Amino acid sequence: MKQLIETVVKPLVDHPEEVRIVIDENNSRIVYKLSVHQEDTGKIIGKQGRVAKAIRAIVYSAAGNHHKKKTYLDIVD
């Protein structure tokens, strides 16, 4: 899943080398915490959050087929 997120996000940003994903997992859920270069945050969120919603839709769809746990994608600074 981490590789899928990187594959989707890196072409959208100006600083792909600074894309970081931290995985926080417990018994009932998995949270992927995505951080990008400060200048790229707006590109990942998009106008009215449309890009972020699209990325989350891809991740949630893929996770639904592979994980029994609830999956979340957080965009952090």
PDB file of N, CA and C in Angstrom:
ATOM      1  N   MET A   1       0.823  -1.189   0.000  1.00  0.00           N
ATOM      2  CA  MET A   1       0.000   0.000   0.000  1.00  0.00           C
ATOM      3  C   MET A   1       0.875   1.263   0.000  1.00  0.00           C
ATOM      4  N   LYS A   2       1.952   1.211   0.760  1.00  0.00           N
ATOM      5  CA  LYS A   2       2.874   2.346   0.799  1.00  0.00           C
ATOM      6  C   LYS A   2       3.401   2.657  -0.596  1.00  0.00           C
ATOM      7  N   GLN A   3       3.736   1.630  -1.349  1.00  0.00           N
ATOM      8  CA  GLN A   3       4.256   1.823  -2.703  1.00  0.00           C
ATOM      9  C   GLN A   3       3.179   2.411  -3.615  1.00  0.00           C
ATOM     10  N   LEU A   4       1.946   1.999  -3.442  1.00  0.00           N
ATOM     11  CA  LEU A   4       0.845   2.547  -4.233  1.00  0.00           C
ATOM     12  C   LEU A   4       0.699   4.043  -3.979  1.00  0.00           C
ATOM     13  N   ILE A   5       0.743   4.442  -2.717  1.00  0.00           N
ATOM     14  CA  ILE A   5       0.624   5.863  -2.377  1.00  0.00           C
ATOM     15  C   ILE A   5       1.771   6.650  -3.002  1.00  0.00           C
ATOM     16  N   GLU A   6       2.993   6.125  -2.895  1.00  0.00           N
ATOM     17  CA  GLU A   6       4.146   6.806  -3.487  1.00  0.00           C
ATOM     18  C   GLU A   6       3.989   6.921  -5.001  1.00  0.00           C
ATOM     19  N   THR A   7       3.506   5.882  -5.640  1.00  0.00           N
ATOM     20  CA  THR A   7       3.322   5.879  -7.094  1.00  0.00           C
ATOM     21  C   THR A   7       2.321   6.938  -7.530  1.00  0.00           C
ATOM     22  N   VAL A   8       1.297   7.157  -6.740  1.00  0.00           N
ATOM     23  CA  VAL A   8       0.278   8.150  -7.075  1.00  0.00           C
ATOM     24  C   VAL A   8       0.767   9.565  -6.766  1.00  0.00           C
ATOM     25  N   VAL A   9       1.455   9.748  -5.645  1.00  0.00           N
ATOM     26  CA  VAL A   9       1.798  11.081  -5.159  1.00  0.00           C
ATOM     27  C   VAL A   9       3.034  11.673  -5.839  1.00  0.00           C
ATOM     28  N   LYS A  10       4.070  10.896  -6.036  1.00  0.00           N
ATOM     29  CA  LYS A  10       5.342  11.440  -6.539  1.00  0.00           C
ATOM     30  C   LYS A  10       5.232  12.189  -7.861  1.00  0.00           C
ATOM     31  N   PRO A  11       4.437  11.732  -8.836  1.00  0.00           N
ATOM     32  CA  PRO A  11       4.336  12.523 -10.083  1.00  0.00           C
ATOM     33  C   PRO A  11       3.621  13.865  -9.898  1.00  0.00           C
ATOM     34  N   LEU A  12       2.910  14.045  -8.798  1.00  0.00           N
ATOM     35  CA  LEU A  12       2.144  15.275  -8.582  1.00  0.00           C
ATOM     36  C   LEU A  12       2.958  16.390  -7.941  1.00  0.00           C
ATOM     37  N   VAL A  13       4.103  16.067  -7.360  1.00  0.00           N
ATOM     38  CA  VAL A  13       4.853  17.047  -6.579  1.00  0.00           C
ATOM     39  C   VAL A  13       6.138  17.478  -7.281  1.00  0.00           C
ATOM     40  N   ASP A  14       6.682  18.627  -6.850  1.00  0.00           N
ATOM     41  CA  ASP A  14       7.944  19.132  -7.390  1.00  0.00           C
ATOM     42  C   ASP A  14       9.155  18.534  -6.681  1.00  0.00           C
ATOM     43  N   HIS A  15       8.945  18.011  -5.475  1.00  0.00           N
ATOM     44  CA  HIS A  15      10.030  17.443  -4.670  1.00  0.00           C
ATOM     45  C   HIS A  15       9.700  15.992  -4.308  1.00  0.00           C
ATOM     46  N   PRO A  16       9.741  15.076  -5.285  1.00  0.00           N
ATOM     47  CA  PRO A  16       9.353  13.684  -5.003  1.00  0.00           C
ATOM     48  C   PRO A  16      10.266  12.988  -4.002  1.00  0.00           C
ATOM     49  N   GLU A  17      11.501  13.474  -3.871  1.00  0.00           N
ATOM     50  CA  GLU A  17      12.425  12.846  -2.919  1.00  0.00           C
ATOM     51  C   GLU A  17      12.014  13.114  -1.470  1.00  0.00           C
ATOM     52  N   GLU A  18      11.119  14.059  -1.247  1.00  0.00           N
ATOM     53  CA  GLU A  18      10.693  14.386   0.114  1.00  0.00           C
ATOM     54  C   GLU A  18       9.326  13.818   0.470  1.00  0.00           C
ATOM     55  N   VAL A  19       8.814  12.910  -0.341  1.00  0.00           N
ATOM     56  CA  VAL A  19       7.559  12.232  -0.018  1.00  0.00           C
ATOM     57  C   VAL A  19       7.861  11.186   1.053  1.00  0.00           C
ATOM     58  N   ARG A  20       7.172  11.281   2.182  1.00  0.00           N
ATOM     59  CA  ARG A  20       7.374  10.354   3.294  1.00  0.00           C
ATOM     60  C   ARG A  20       6.039   9.760   3.707  1.00  0.00           C
ATOM     61  N   ILE A  21       6.050   8.473   3.998  1.00  0.00           N
ATOM     62  CA  ILE A  21       4.849   7.797   4.468  1.00  0.00           C
ATOM     63  C   ILE A  21       5.211   7.016   5.723  1.00  0.00           C
ATOM     64  N   VAL A  22       4.520   7.321   6.801  1.00  0.00           N
ATOM     65  CA  VAL A  22       4.707   6.622   8.070  1.00  0.00           C
ATOM     66  C   VAL A  22       3.450   5.792   8.309  1.00  0.00           C
ATOM     67  N   ILE A  23       3.641   4.555   8.701  1.00  0.00           N
ATOM     68  CA  ILE A  23       2.512   3.655   8.937  1.00  0.00           C
ATOM     69  C   ILE A  23       2.295   3.504  10.433  1.00  0.00           C
ATOM     70  N   ASP A  24       1.071   3.781  10.870  1.00  0.00           N
ATOM     71  CA  ASP A  24       0.684   3.637  12.269  1.00  0.00           C
ATOM     72  C   ASP A  24      -0.418   2.572  12.309  1.00  0.00           C
ATOM     73  N   GLU A  25      -0.103   1.414  12.859  1.00  0.00           N
ATOM     74  CA  GLU A  25      -1.030   0.288  12.810  1.00  0.00           C
ATOM     75  C   GLU A  25      -1.340  -0.209  14.220  1.00  0.00           C
ATOM     76  N   ASN A  26      -2.616  -0.513  14.456  1.00  0.00           N
ATOM     77  CA  ASN A  26      -2.997  -1.171  15.695  1.00  0.00           C
ATOM     78  C   ASN A  26      -3.965  -2.307  15.370  1.00  0.00           C
ATOM     79  N   ASN A  27      -4.673  -2.813  16.346  1.00  0.00           N
ATOM     80  CA  ASN A  27      -5.515  -4.003  16.134  1.00  0.00           C
ATOM     81  C   ASN A  27      -6.656  -3.790  15.147  1.00  0.00           C
ATOM     82  N   SER A  28      -7.191  -2.579  15.095  1.00  0.00           N
ATOM     83  CA  SER A  28      -8.386  -2.369  14.291  1.00  0.00           C
ATOM     84  C   SER A  28      -8.208  -1.468  13.075  1.00  0.00           C
ATOM     85  N   ARG A  29      -7.062  -0.787  12.965  1.00  0.00           N
ATOM     86  CA  ARG A  29      -6.923   0.143  11.847  1.00  0.00           C
ATOM     87  C   ARG A  29      -5.466   0.341  11.450  1.00  0.00           C
ATOM     88  N   ILE A  30      -5.298   0.840  10.230  1.00  0.00           N
ATOM     89  CA  ILE A  30      -3.992   1.210   9.691  1.00  0.00           C
ATOM     90  C   ILE A  30      -4.103   2.654   9.214  1.00  0.00           C
ATOM     91  N   VAL A  31      -3.182   3.498   9.685  1.00  0.00           N
ATOM     92  CA  VAL A  31      -3.169   4.897   9.267  1.00  0.00           C
ATOM     93  C   VAL A  31      -1.864   5.146   8.515  1.00  0.00           C
ATOM     94  N   TYR A  32      -1.991   5.574   7.274  1.00  0.00           N
ATOM     95  CA  TYR A  32      -0.835   5.970   6.473  1.00  0.00           C
ATOM     96  C   TYR A  32      -0.733   7.485   6.580  1.00  0.00           C
ATOM     97  N   LYS A  33       0.354   7.972   7.147  1.00  0.00           N
ATOM     98  CA  LYS A  33       0.551   9.410   7.330  1.00  0.00           C
ATOM     99  C   LYS A  33       1.499   9.903   6.241  1.00  0.00           C
ATOM    100  N   LEU A  34       0.953  10.689   5.328  1.00  0.00           N
ATOM    101  CA  LEU A  34       1.687  11.195   4.174  1.00  0.00           C
ATOM    102  C   LEU A  34       2.190  12.600   4.460  1.00  0.00           C
ATOM    103  N   SER A  35       3.490  12.807   4.263  1.00  0.00           N
ATOM    104  CA  SER A  35       4.034  14.160   4.359  1.00  0.00           C
ATOM    105  C   SER A  35       4.839  14.447   3.100  1.00  0.00           C
ATOM    106  N   VAL A  36       4.748  15.686   2.650  1.00  0.00           N
ATOM    107  CA  VAL A  36       5.455  16.128   1.452  1.00  0.00           C
ATOM    108  C   VAL A  36       6.156  17.441   1.775  1.00  0.00           C
ATOM    109  N   HIS A  37       6.978  17.910   0.853  1.00  0.00           N
ATOM    110  CA  HIS A  37       7.658  19.205   1.006  1.00  0.00           C
ATOM    111  C   HIS A  37       6.591  20.284   1.200  1.00  0.00           C
ATOM    112  N   GLN A  38       6.907  21.277   1.993  1.00  0.00           N
ATOM    113  CA  GLN A  38       5.960  22.335   2.322  1.00  0.00           C
ATOM    114  C   GLN A  38       5.358  22.988   1.072  1.00  0.00           C
ATOM    115  N   GLU A  39       6.153  23.181   0.042  1.00  0.00           N
ATOM    116  CA  GLU A  39       5.663  23.809  -1.198  1.00  0.00           C
ATOM    117  C   GLU A  39       4.682  22.909  -1.952  1.00  0.00           C
ATOM    118  N   ASP A  40       4.721  21.607  -1.704  1.00  0.00           N
ATOM    119  CA  ASP A  40       3.878  20.663  -2.434  1.00  0.00           C
ATOM    120  C   ASP A  40       2.562  20.340  -1.732  1.00  0.00           C
ATOM    121  N   THR A  41       2.374  20.834  -0.524  1.00  0.00           N
ATOM    122  CA  THR A  41       1.162  20.498   0.227  1.00  0.00           C
ATOM    123  C   THR A  41      -0.098  20.893  -0.532  1.00  0.00           C
ATOM    124  N   GLY A  42      -0.101  22.072  -1.112  1.00  0.00           N
ATOM    125  CA  GLY A  42      -1.269  22.532  -1.870  1.00  0.00           C
ATOM    126  C   GLY A  42      -1.573  21.665  -3.076  1.00  0.00           C
ATOM    127  N   LYS A  43      -0.543  21.137  -3.710  1.00  0.00           N
ATOM    128  CA  LYS A  43      -0.737  20.280  -4.880  1.00  0.00           C
ATOM    129  C   LYS A  43      -1.379  18.961  -4.488  1.00  0.00           C
ATOM    130  N   ILE A  44      -1.041  18.462  -3.313  1.00  0.00           N
ATOM    131  CA  ILE A  44      -1.599  17.193  -2.851  1.00  0.00           C
ATOM    132  C   ILE A  44      -3.044  17.364  -2.382  1.00  0.00           C
ATOM    133  N   ILE A  45      -3.340  18.513  -1.793  1.00  0.00           N
ATOM    134  CA  ILE A  45      -4.706  18.754  -1.322  1.00  0.00           C
ATOM    135  C   ILE A  45      -5.601  19.153  -2.489  1.00  0.00           C
ATOM    136  N   GLY A  46      -5.128  20.044  -3.351  1.00  0.00           N
ATOM    137  CA  GLY A  46      -5.903  20.465  -4.518  1.00  0.00           C
ATOM    138  C   GLY A  46      -7.001  21.447  -4.160  1.00  0.00           C
ATOM    139  N   LYS A  47      -7.657  21.965  -5.171  1.00  0.00           N
ATOM    140  CA  LYS A  47      -8.749  22.907  -4.961  1.00  0.00           C
ATOM    141  C   LYS A  47      -9.911  22.185  -4.293  1.00  0.00           C
ATOM    142  N   GLN A  48     -10.350  22.744  -3.185  1.00  0.00           N
ATOM    143  CA  GLN A  48     -11.445  22.192  -2.387  1.00  0.00           C
ATOM    144  C   GLN A  48     -11.191  20.737  -1.987  1.00  0.00           C
ATOM    145  N   GLY A  49      -9.926  20.350  -1.914  1.00  0.00           N
ATOM    146  CA  GLY A  49      -9.580  19.003  -1.454  1.00  0.00           C
ATOM    147  C   GLY A  49      -9.826  17.898  -2.459  1.00  0.00           C
ATOM    148  N   ARG A  50     -10.001  18.256  -3.720  1.00  0.00           N
ATOM    149  CA  ARG A  50     -10.340  17.249  -4.732  1.00  0.00           C
ATOM    150  C   ARG A  50      -9.228  16.231  -4.968  1.00  0.00           C
ATOM    151  N   VAL A  51      -7.977  16.685  -5.008  1.00  0.00           N
ATOM    152  CA  VAL A  51      -6.863  15.755  -5.233  1.00  0.00           C
ATOM    153  C   VAL A  51      -6.724  14.811  -4.042  1.00  0.00           C
ATOM    154  N   ALA A  52      -6.823  15.356  -2.836  1.00  0.00           N
ATOM    155  CA  ALA A  52      -6.729  14.524  -1.630  1.00  0.00           C
ATOM    156  C   ALA A  52      -7.844  13.488  -1.605  1.00  0.00           C
ATOM    157  N   LYS A  53      -9.050  13.883  -1.982  1.00  0.00           N
ATOM    158  CA  LYS A  53     -10.176  12.942  -2.014  1.00  0.00           C
ATOM    159  C   LYS A  53      -9.932  11.835  -3.033  1.00  0.00           C
ATOM    160  N   ALA A  54      -9.375  12.189  -4.179  1.00  0.00           N
ATOM    161  CA  ALA A  54      -9.089  11.198  -5.221  1.00  0.00           C
ATOM    162  C   ALA A  54      -8.020  10.210  -4.757  1.00  0.00           C
ATOM    163  N   ILE A  55      -6.969  10.725  -4.117  1.00  0.00           N
ATOM    164  CA  ILE A  55      -5.913   9.839  -3.609  1.00  0.00           C
ATOM    165  C   ILE A  55      -6.489   8.903  -2.559  1.00  0.00           C
ATOM    166  N   ARG A  56      -7.300   9.441  -1.657  1.00  0.00           N
ATOM    167  CA  ARG A  56      -7.922   8.605  -0.619  1.00  0.00           C
ATOM    168  C   ARG A  56      -8.830   7.553  -1.234  1.00  0.00           C
ATOM    169  N   ALA A  57      -9.570   7.913  -2.268  1.00  0.00           N
ATOM    170  CA  ALA A  57     -10.460   6.945  -2.917  1.00  0.00           C
ATOM    171  C   ALA A  57      -9.669   5.772  -3.491  1.00  0.00           C
ATOM    172  N   ILE A  58      -8.540   6.053  -4.099  1.00  0.00           N
ATOM    173  CA  ILE A  58      -7.686   4.992  -4.649  1.00  0.00           C
ATOM    174  C   ILE A  58      -7.170   4.092  -3.525  1.00  0.00           C
ATOM    175  N   VAL A  59      -6.660   4.720  -2.465  1.00  0.00           N
ATOM    176  CA  VAL A  59      -6.093   3.956  -1.340  1.00  0.00           C
ATOM    177  C   VAL A  59      -7.172   3.119  -0.666  1.00  0.00           C
ATOM    178  N   TYR A  60      -8.324   3.710  -0.398  1.00  0.00           N
ATOM    179  CA  TYR A  60      -9.384   2.979   0.296  1.00  0.00           C
ATOM    180  C   TYR A  60      -9.911   1.824  -0.547  1.00  0.00           C
ATOM    181  N   SER A  61      -9.997   2.041  -1.840  1.00  0.00           N
ATOM    182  CA  SER A  61     -10.458   0.978  -2.728  1.00  0.00           C
ATOM    183  C   SER A  61      -9.478  -0.189  -2.747  1.00  0.00           C
ATOM    184  N   ALA A  62      -8.200   0.116  -2.853  1.00  0.00           N
ATOM    185  CA  ALA A  62      -7.184  -0.939  -2.854  1.00  0.00           C
ATOM    186  C   ALA A  62      -7.111  -1.633  -1.496  1.00  0.00           C
ATOM    187  N   ALA A  63      -7.234  -0.877  -0.423  1.00  0.00           N
ATOM    188  CA  ALA A  63      -7.143  -1.451   0.923  1.00  0.00           C
ATOM    189  C   ALA A  63      -8.330  -2.344   1.224  1.00  0.00           C
ATOM    190  N   GLY A  64      -9.477  -2.011   0.691  1.00  0.00           N
ATOM    191  CA  GLY A  64     -10.671  -2.817   0.940  1.00  0.00           C
ATOM    192  C   GLY A  64     -10.515  -4.245   0.450  1.00  0.00           C
ATOM    193  N   ASN A  65      -9.689  -4.427  -0.550  1.00  0.00           N
ATOM    194  CA  ASN A  65      -9.482  -5.762  -1.104  1.00  0.00           C
ATOM    195  C   ASN A  65      -8.396  -6.547  -0.380  1.00  0.00           C
ATOM    196  N   HIS A  66      -7.507  -5.857   0.352  1.00  0.00           N
ATOM    197  CA  HIS A  66      -6.346  -6.525   0.930  1.00  0.00           C
ATOM    198  C   HIS A  66      -6.336  -6.589   2.445  1.00  0.00           C
ATOM    199  N   HIS A  67      -6.970  -5.640   3.101  1.00  0.00           N
ATOM    200  CA  HIS A  67      -6.865  -5.554   4.552  1.00  0.00           C
ATOM    201  C   HIS A  67      -8.220  -5.812   5.201  1.00  0.00           C
ATOM    202  N   LYS A  68      -8.198  -6.468   6.331  1.00  0.00           N
ATOM    203  CA  LYS A  68      -9.411  -6.638   7.129  1.00  0.00           C
ATOM    204  C   LYS A  68      -9.603  -5.426   8.050  1.00  0.00           C
ATOM    205  N   LYS A  69      -8.546  -4.639   8.232  1.00  0.00           N
ATOM    206  CA  LYS A  69      -8.587  -3.484   9.118  1.00  0.00           C
ATOM    207  C   LYS A  69      -9.058  -2.252   8.363  1.00  0.00           C
ATOM    208  N   LYS A  70      -9.633  -1.311   9.093  1.00  0.00           N
ATOM    209  CA  LYS A  70     -10.023  -0.029   8.510  1.00  0.00           C
ATOM    210  C   LYS A  70      -8.757   0.750   8.146  1.00  0.00           C
ATOM    211  N   THR A  71      -8.738   1.334   6.975  1.00  0.00           N
ATOM    212  CA  THR A  71      -7.559   2.029   6.477  1.00  0.00           C
ATOM    213  C   THR A  71      -7.856   3.521   6.338  1.00  0.00           C
ATOM    214  N   TYR A  72      -6.878   4.347   6.747  1.00  0.00           N
ATOM    215  CA  TYR A  72      -7.001   5.796   6.664  1.00  0.00           C
ATOM    216  C   TYR A  72      -5.752   6.363   6.014  1.00  0.00           C
ATOM    217  N   LEU A  73      -5.898   7.507   5.353  1.00  0.00           N
ATOM    218  CA  LEU A  73      -4.760   8.253   4.805  1.00  0.00           C
ATOM    219  C   LEU A  73      -4.847   9.674   5.340  1.00  0.00           C
ATOM    220  N   ASP A  74      -3.832  10.057   6.124  1.00  0.00           N
ATOM    221  CA  ASP A  74      -3.753  11.410   6.671  1.00  0.00           C
ATOM    222  C   ASP A  74      -2.643  12.158   5.951  1.00  0.00           C
ATOM    223  N   ILE A  75      -2.904  13.418   5.635  1.00  0.00           N
ATOM    224  CA  ILE A  75      -1.889  14.281   5.050  1.00  0.00           C
ATOM    225  C   ILE A  75      -1.424  15.204   6.167  1.00  0.00           C
ATOM    226  N   VAL A  76      -0.150  15.077   6.531  1.00  0.00           N
ATOM    227  CA  VAL A  76       0.393  15.819   7.665  1.00  0.00           C
ATOM    228  C   VAL A  76       1.509  16.748   7.221  1.00  0.00           C
ATOM    229  N   ASP A  77       1.800  17.739   8.040  1.00  0.00           N
ATOM    230  CA  ASP A  77       2.896  18.667   7.750  1.00  0.00           C
ATOM    231  C   ASP A  77       4.218  18.108   8.211  1.00  0.00           C
TER     232      ASP A  77
END
